[in-house]
Amino acid sequence: MCGHSVIFAGHRPYYSLYPGQLQELSGQTHPVIVDGRNVGEPDAFIDAGFVYKGIGRGDKNGHEIF
């Protein structure tokens, strides 16, 4: 199983990402987001099918990262 990860930085463009569009672009059913700066809204990414991991936020969705 191979997944994709996106690591956020605190740059302004990351604040306006659309999770649904990003999920489509990934080509994955459950792409992984590692949000190192907590710029994304966890529930929006989880609702779009992401495995969301936010540094310091804990595990909001219970998915394992392999």
C-alpha atoms as a PDB file:
ATOM      1  CA  MET A   1       0.000   0.000   0.000  1.00  0.00           C
ATOM      2  CA  CYS A   2       1.412   3.351  -1.004  1.00  0.00           C
ATOM      3  CA  GLY A   3       0.021   6.687   0.135  1.00  0.00           C
ATOM      4  CA  HIS A   4       0.812  10.302  -0.451  1.00  0.00           C
ATOM      5  CA  SER A   5       1.570  12.896   2.187  1.00  0.00           C
ATOM      6  CA  VAL A   6       1.383  16.643   2.144  1.00  0.00           C
ATOM      7  CA  ILE A   7       3.271  18.563   4.766  1.00  0.00           C
ATOM      8  CA  PHE A   8       1.956  22.073   5.318  1.00  0.00           C
ATOM      9  CA  ALA A   9       4.137  25.045   6.036  1.00  0.00           C
ATOM     10  CA  GLY A  10       2.828  28.295   7.467  1.00  0.00           C
ATOM     11  CA  HIS A  11       2.666  30.006   4.069  1.00  0.00           C
ATOM     12  CA  ARG A  12      -0.417  32.040   3.232  1.00  0.00           C
ATOM     13  CA  PRO A  13      -1.509  29.961   0.150  1.00  0.00           C
ATOM     14  CA  TYR A  14      -2.027  26.890   2.329  1.00  0.00           C
ATOM     15  CA  TYR A  15      -4.820  28.625   4.246  1.00  0.00           C
ATOM     16  CA  SER A  16      -7.047  28.656   1.156  1.00  0.00           C
ATOM     17  CA  LEU A  17      -6.731  25.027   0.041  1.00  0.00           C
ATOM     18  CA  TYR A  18      -9.937  23.222  -0.889  1.00  0.00           C
ATOM     19  CA  PRO A  19      -9.782  19.704   0.581  1.00  0.00           C
ATOM     20  CA  GLY A  20     -12.121  18.174  -2.033  1.00  0.00           C
ATOM     21  CA  GLN A  21     -10.046  19.482  -4.925  1.00  0.00           C
ATOM     22  CA  LEU A  22      -6.803  18.430  -3.269  1.00  0.00           C
ATOM     23  CA  GLN A  23      -8.177  14.919  -2.715  1.00  0.00           C
ATOM     24  CA  GLU A  24      -9.140  14.624  -6.394  1.00  0.00           C
ATOM     25  CA  LEU A  25      -5.687  15.789  -7.486  1.00  0.00           C
ATOM     26  CA  SER A  26      -4.021  13.208  -5.246  1.00  0.00           C
ATOM     27  CA  GLY A  27      -5.646  10.294  -7.073  1.00  0.00           C
ATOM     28  CA  GLN A  28      -5.940   8.476  -3.735  1.00  0.00           C
ATOM     29  CA  THR A  29      -9.056   7.377  -1.879  1.00  0.00           C
ATOM     30  CA  HIS A  30      -7.562   8.279   1.502  1.00  0.00           C
ATOM     31  CA  PRO A  31      -4.528  10.530   1.001  1.00  0.00           C
ATOM     32  CA  VAL A  32      -2.582  11.519   4.089  1.00  0.00           C
ATOM     33  CA  ILE A  33      -2.243  15.096   5.279  1.00  0.00           C
ATOM     34  CA  VAL A  34       0.380  15.894   7.901  1.00  0.00           C
ATOM     35  CA  ASP A  35      -0.381  19.440   8.983  1.00  0.00           C
ATOM     36  CA  GLY A  36       2.727  20.613  10.764  1.00  0.00           C
ATOM     37  CA  ARG A  37       1.492  24.186  11.223  1.00  0.00           C
ATOM     38  CA  ASN A  38      -2.226  23.586  11.925  1.00  0.00           C
ATOM     39  CA  VAL A  39      -3.332  25.719   8.999  1.00  0.00           C
ATOM     40  CA  GLY A  40      -5.973  23.271   7.746  1.00  0.00           C
ATOM     41  CA  GLU A  41      -9.420  22.641   9.187  1.00  0.00           C
ATOM     42  CA  PRO A  42      -9.235  18.983  10.315  1.00  0.00           C
ATOM     43  CA  ASP A  43     -12.926  18.179   9.845  1.00  0.00           C
ATOM     44  CA  ALA A  44     -12.946  19.557   6.285  1.00  0.00           C
ATOM     45  CA  PHE A  45     -10.044  17.284   5.314  1.00  0.00           C
ATOM     46  CA  ILE A  46     -11.509  14.261   7.103  1.00  0.00           C
ATOM     47  CA  ASP A  47     -14.870  14.838   5.381  1.00  0.00           C
ATOM     48  CA  ALA A  48     -13.036  14.912   2.026  1.00  0.00           C
ATOM     49  CA  GLY A  49     -11.550  11.454   2.747  1.00  0.00           C
ATOM     50  CA  PHE A  50      -8.125  12.403   4.061  1.00  0.00           C
ATOM     51  CA  VAL A  51      -6.243  10.736   6.859  1.00  0.00           C
ATOM     52  CA  TYR A  52      -5.522  13.921   8.818  1.00  0.00           C
ATOM     53  CA  LYS A  53      -2.663  14.239  11.284  1.00  0.00           C
ATOM     54  CA  GLY A  54      -2.163  17.645  12.867  1.00  0.00           C
ATOM     55  CA  ILE A  55       0.903  18.212  14.994  1.00  0.00           C
ATOM     56  CA  GLY A  56      -0.287  18.872  18.535  1.00  0.00           C
ATOM     57  CA  ARG A  57      -3.956  18.207  17.679  1.00  0.00           C
ATOM     58  CA  GLY A  58      -3.990  14.495  18.297  1.00  0.00           C
ATOM     59  CA  ASP A  59      -5.752  11.930  16.140  1.00  0.00           C
ATOM     60  CA  LYS A  60      -9.172  13.209  15.129  1.00  0.00           C
ATOM     61  CA  ASN A  61     -10.103  10.410  12.737  1.00  0.00           C
ATOM     62  CA  GLY A  62      -8.596   7.196  14.044  1.00  0.00           C
ATOM     63  CA  HIS A  63      -6.882   6.168  10.784  1.00  0.00           C
ATOM     64  CA  GLU A  64      -3.535   4.443  10.966  1.00  0.00           C
ATOM     65  CA  ILE A  65      -0.611   5.595   8.859  1.00  0.00           C
ATOM     66  CA  PHE A  66       1.230   2.604   7.413  1.00  0.00           C
END
